[in-house]
Amino acid sequence: MKKELIASIKEKELQLAKLKEHIDKSEVCSDLYNKVLIEKAILKKQLENLQQNSVIERIKHLIPRHREKLICDYFKG
């Protein structure tokens, strides 16, 4: 998933580079440039969330969980 997002972001960057030359010449190109720019921002946010979630999951595994007390725990000993 991560590699696919990175590849998509690179593809969007190439599209933006090509469209940047034609922004002033055509309104259609300008609109398309804006659309691709938004798509790239969405992909970057998804990648950021994916990386953040994996870090959080790693931390959760390191922190010991407190075991909930059961009724039988009160009657031991």
C-alpha atoms as a PDB file:
ATOM      1  CA  MET A   1       0.000   0.000   0.000  1.00  0.00           C
ATOM      2  CA  LYS A   2       2.794   2.409   0.947  1.00  0.00           C
ATOM      3  CA  LYS A   3       4.725   1.782  -2.282  1.00  0.00           C
ATOM      4  CA  GLU A   4       1.574   2.287  -4.335  1.00  0.00           C
ATOM      5  CA  LEU A   5       0.895   5.626  -2.664  1.00  0.00           C
ATOM      6  CA  ILE A   6       4.471   6.787  -3.238  1.00  0.00           C
ATOM      7  CA  ALA A   7       4.273   5.746  -6.892  1.00  0.00           C
ATOM      8  CA  SER A   8       0.974   7.596  -7.301  1.00  0.00           C
ATOM      9  CA  ILE A   9       2.426  10.731  -5.716  1.00  0.00           C
ATOM     10  CA  LYS A  10       5.400  10.633  -8.102  1.00  0.00           C
ATOM     11  CA  GLU A  11       3.023  10.192 -11.035  1.00  0.00           C
ATOM     12  CA  LYS A  12       1.009  13.222  -9.906  1.00  0.00           C
ATOM     13  CA  GLU A  13       4.220  15.259  -9.616  1.00  0.00           C
ATOM     14  CA  LEU A  14       5.095  14.395 -13.221  1.00  0.00           C
ATOM     15  CA  GLN A  15       1.607  15.388 -14.363  1.00  0.00           C
ATOM     16  CA  LEU A  16       1.889  18.669 -12.477  1.00  0.00           C
ATOM     17  CA  ALA A  17       5.264  19.420 -14.070  1.00  0.00           C
ATOM     18  CA  LYS A  18       3.818  18.876 -17.547  1.00  0.00           C
ATOM     19  CA  LEU A  19       0.671  20.890 -16.855  1.00  0.00           C
ATOM     20  CA  LYS A  20       2.529  23.777 -15.234  1.00  0.00           C
ATOM     21  CA  GLU A  21       3.806  24.900 -18.643  1.00  0.00           C
ATOM     22  CA  HIS A  22       0.260  25.265 -19.991  1.00  0.00           C
ATOM     23  CA  ILE A  23      -1.560  26.828 -17.028  1.00  0.00           C
ATOM     24  CA  ASP A  24      -1.600  30.315 -18.497  1.00  0.00           C
ATOM     25  CA  LYS A  25      -2.518  29.164 -21.992  1.00  0.00           C
ATOM     26  CA  SER A  26      -5.731  27.303 -21.264  1.00  0.00           C
ATOM     27  CA  GLU A  27      -8.442  27.369 -18.630  1.00  0.00           C
ATOM     28  CA  VAL A  28      -8.904  23.624 -19.038  1.00  0.00           C
ATOM     29  CA  CYS A  29      -5.237  23.027 -18.240  1.00  0.00           C
ATOM     30  CA  SER A  30      -5.494  25.311 -15.239  1.00  0.00           C
ATOM     31  CA  ASP A  31      -8.500  23.404 -13.920  1.00  0.00           C
ATOM     32  CA  LEU A  32      -6.794  20.075 -14.563  1.00  0.00           C
ATOM     33  CA  TYR A  33      -3.659  21.317 -12.781  1.00  0.00           C
ATOM     34  CA  ASN A  34      -5.746  22.257  -9.735  1.00  0.00           C
ATOM     35  CA  LYS A  35      -7.487  18.877  -9.784  1.00  0.00           C
ATOM     36  CA  VAL A  36      -4.197  16.963  -9.941  1.00  0.00           C
ATOM     37  CA  LEU A  37      -2.788  19.169  -7.174  1.00  0.00           C
ATOM     38  CA  ILE A  38      -5.720  18.269  -4.917  1.00  0.00           C
ATOM     39  CA  GLU A  39      -5.363  14.566  -5.750  1.00  0.00           C
ATOM     40  CA  LYS A  40      -1.669  14.729  -4.840  1.00  0.00           C
ATOM     41  CA  ALA A  41      -2.486  16.398  -1.522  1.00  0.00           C
ATOM     42  CA  ILE A  42      -5.019  13.655  -0.749  1.00  0.00           C
ATOM     43  CA  LEU A  43      -2.460  10.945  -1.534  1.00  0.00           C
ATOM     44  CA  LYS A  44       0.148  12.636   0.669  1.00  0.00           C
ATOM     45  CA  LYS A  45      -2.339  12.804   3.550  1.00  0.00           C
ATOM     46  CA  GLN A  46      -3.178   9.107   3.110  1.00  0.00           C
ATOM     47  CA  LEU A  47       0.529   8.247   3.189  1.00  0.00           C
ATOM     48  CA  GLU A  48       1.007  10.368   6.297  1.00  0.00           C
ATOM     49  CA  ASN A  49      -1.926   8.662   8.023  1.00  0.00           C
ATOM     50  CA  LEU A  50      -0.619   5.248   7.047  1.00  0.00           C
ATOM     51  CA  GLN A  51       2.803   5.998   8.511  1.00  0.00           C
ATOM     52  CA  GLN A  52       1.302   7.525  11.645  1.00  0.00           C
ATOM     53  CA  ASN A  53      -0.968   4.527  12.212  1.00  0.00           C
ATOM     54  CA  SER A  54       1.915   2.079  11.891  1.00  0.00           C
ATOM     55  CA  VAL A  55       3.933   4.035  14.471  1.00  0.00           C
ATOM     56  CA  ILE A  56       0.983   4.105  16.860  1.00  0.00           C
ATOM     57  CA  GLU A  57       0.440   0.365  16.454  1.00  0.00           C
ATOM     58  CA  ARG A  58       4.103  -0.325  17.245  1.00  0.00           C
ATOM     59  CA  ILE A  59       3.899   1.774  20.384  1.00  0.00           C
ATOM     60  CA  LYS A  60       0.706   0.020  21.501  1.00  0.00           C
ATOM     61  CA  HIS A  61       2.477  -3.341  21.330  1.00  0.00           C
ATOM     62  CA  LEU A  62       5.312  -2.068  23.510  1.00  0.00           C
ATOM     63  CA  ILE A  63       3.092  -0.685  26.265  1.00  0.00           C
ATOM     64  CA  PRO A  64       1.815  -3.397  28.590  1.00  0.00           C
ATOM     65  CA  ARG A  65      -1.930  -3.491  28.941  1.00  0.00           C
ATOM     66  CA  HIS A  66      -3.500  -3.435  32.336  1.00  0.00           C
ATOM     67  CA  ARG A  67      -5.554  -6.515  32.886  1.00  0.00           C
ATOM     68  CA  GLU A  68      -9.118  -5.831  33.896  1.00  0.00           C
ATOM     69  CA  LYS A  69     -10.130  -7.149  37.276  1.00  0.00           C
ATOM     70  CA  LEU A  70     -12.606  -9.950  37.228  1.00  0.00           C
ATOM     71  CA  ILE A  71     -14.937 -10.900  40.057  1.00  0.00           C
ATOM     72  CA  CYS A  72     -12.924 -14.082  40.672  1.00  0.00           C
ATOM     73  CA  ASP A  73      -9.812 -11.946  41.276  1.00  0.00           C
ATOM     74  CA  TYR A  74     -11.383 -10.591  44.466  1.00  0.00           C
ATOM     75  CA  PHE A  75     -11.871 -14.072  45.884  1.00  0.00           C
ATOM     76  CA  LYS A  76      -8.331 -15.333  45.327  1.00  0.00           C
ATOM     77  CA  GLY A  77      -6.035 -15.792  48.325  1.00  0.00           C
END
